[in-house]
Amino acid sequence: MKIRGTLSIAVAAMTLVVADVLQRTIISMAVFLFPPRRNAILASWQQCMARSVLWAVTRVGGATVGGIPNIPARDGVLVIMNHQSLIDIPLVVRSLRPSYPRIVTRERYASGKPLISHMVRLYQYPTVDPRSTVRGHLSGLGTETAGSPVPVVIFPEGTRTRDGEVGRFKRPGLRAVLSARSWEVWLAVADGYWQCARLKDFQSSVSDIRGSMTVDGPITSPDPDSGPEAIETFIDEMENRMGQMLSELREPVKA
């Protein structure tokens, strides 16, 4: 129903505007004044933001969001997730508790976006230019993620799916991350959201969302010293497994 979609967008937008002010003042000041509490403060704030968005989607918009799984939020965890909609990030944030993830993000989100751009800087999200093939840029991504004290999340499809299926992985970024260290990998697959991939679709169809999510892991990634072929084979396996997980997630719906 378009009215519910419009209301949910309005509520989410107002929440983001207020949150942007709070984040730039109270949250930033708290992180500055209490360095030992940085991770706890950032984790609590990010969880609050994720809950607020999902509340607007479900309680105001009328969407159904299935059970959210739990992924251990610790150093060395890499989450590889499919990309269906605007709420993939709140979903994966709610899955990682009690810490928070650093999300590999497109460079264009690092400036000019209310709340999001400041969050990219505050949470030190690794940024990438999806058009870049510069080796130094990608090596920097590997180095930055390898030293992360909290989990890292990457959406290897690079963009939201148009048909709900798992798209072909854009490999350079994921390859750089996997080549920097051995990871405890978790695959996360969400379904039921792709028809609301764009804001205008969200406005008209949010009440039709019947979402679900599943995870698989832990899976140990190859040691970087095992060579490029081992990394490529592992990426192939993750891409295929993610497609299988999506099919398995849909089976009860088809029955």
Foldseek 3Di string as FASTA:
>chain_A
DLVLLVQLVVQLVVVLQVLLVCCVPVLVVVCVVDVVCNQQSLLVSLLVNLVSSVCSLCVRNQAAADDQAADEKFPQEEEEEAAAAPNPQSRVSNNYPDTGEQEEEAPVQCDDDRPRNVCCVSVVHHYDHLVDPDPVSLLVLQVVSNPDGIYYYYHQQRAHDQPFARHDGPPSNVLNNLLNAKGQYKYKYKGQRNCHRDSVSSSVCSSVGHMYMDMDTRDIQDGNVVDDVSSVVVVVVSSVVRRVVSVVVCVVVVD
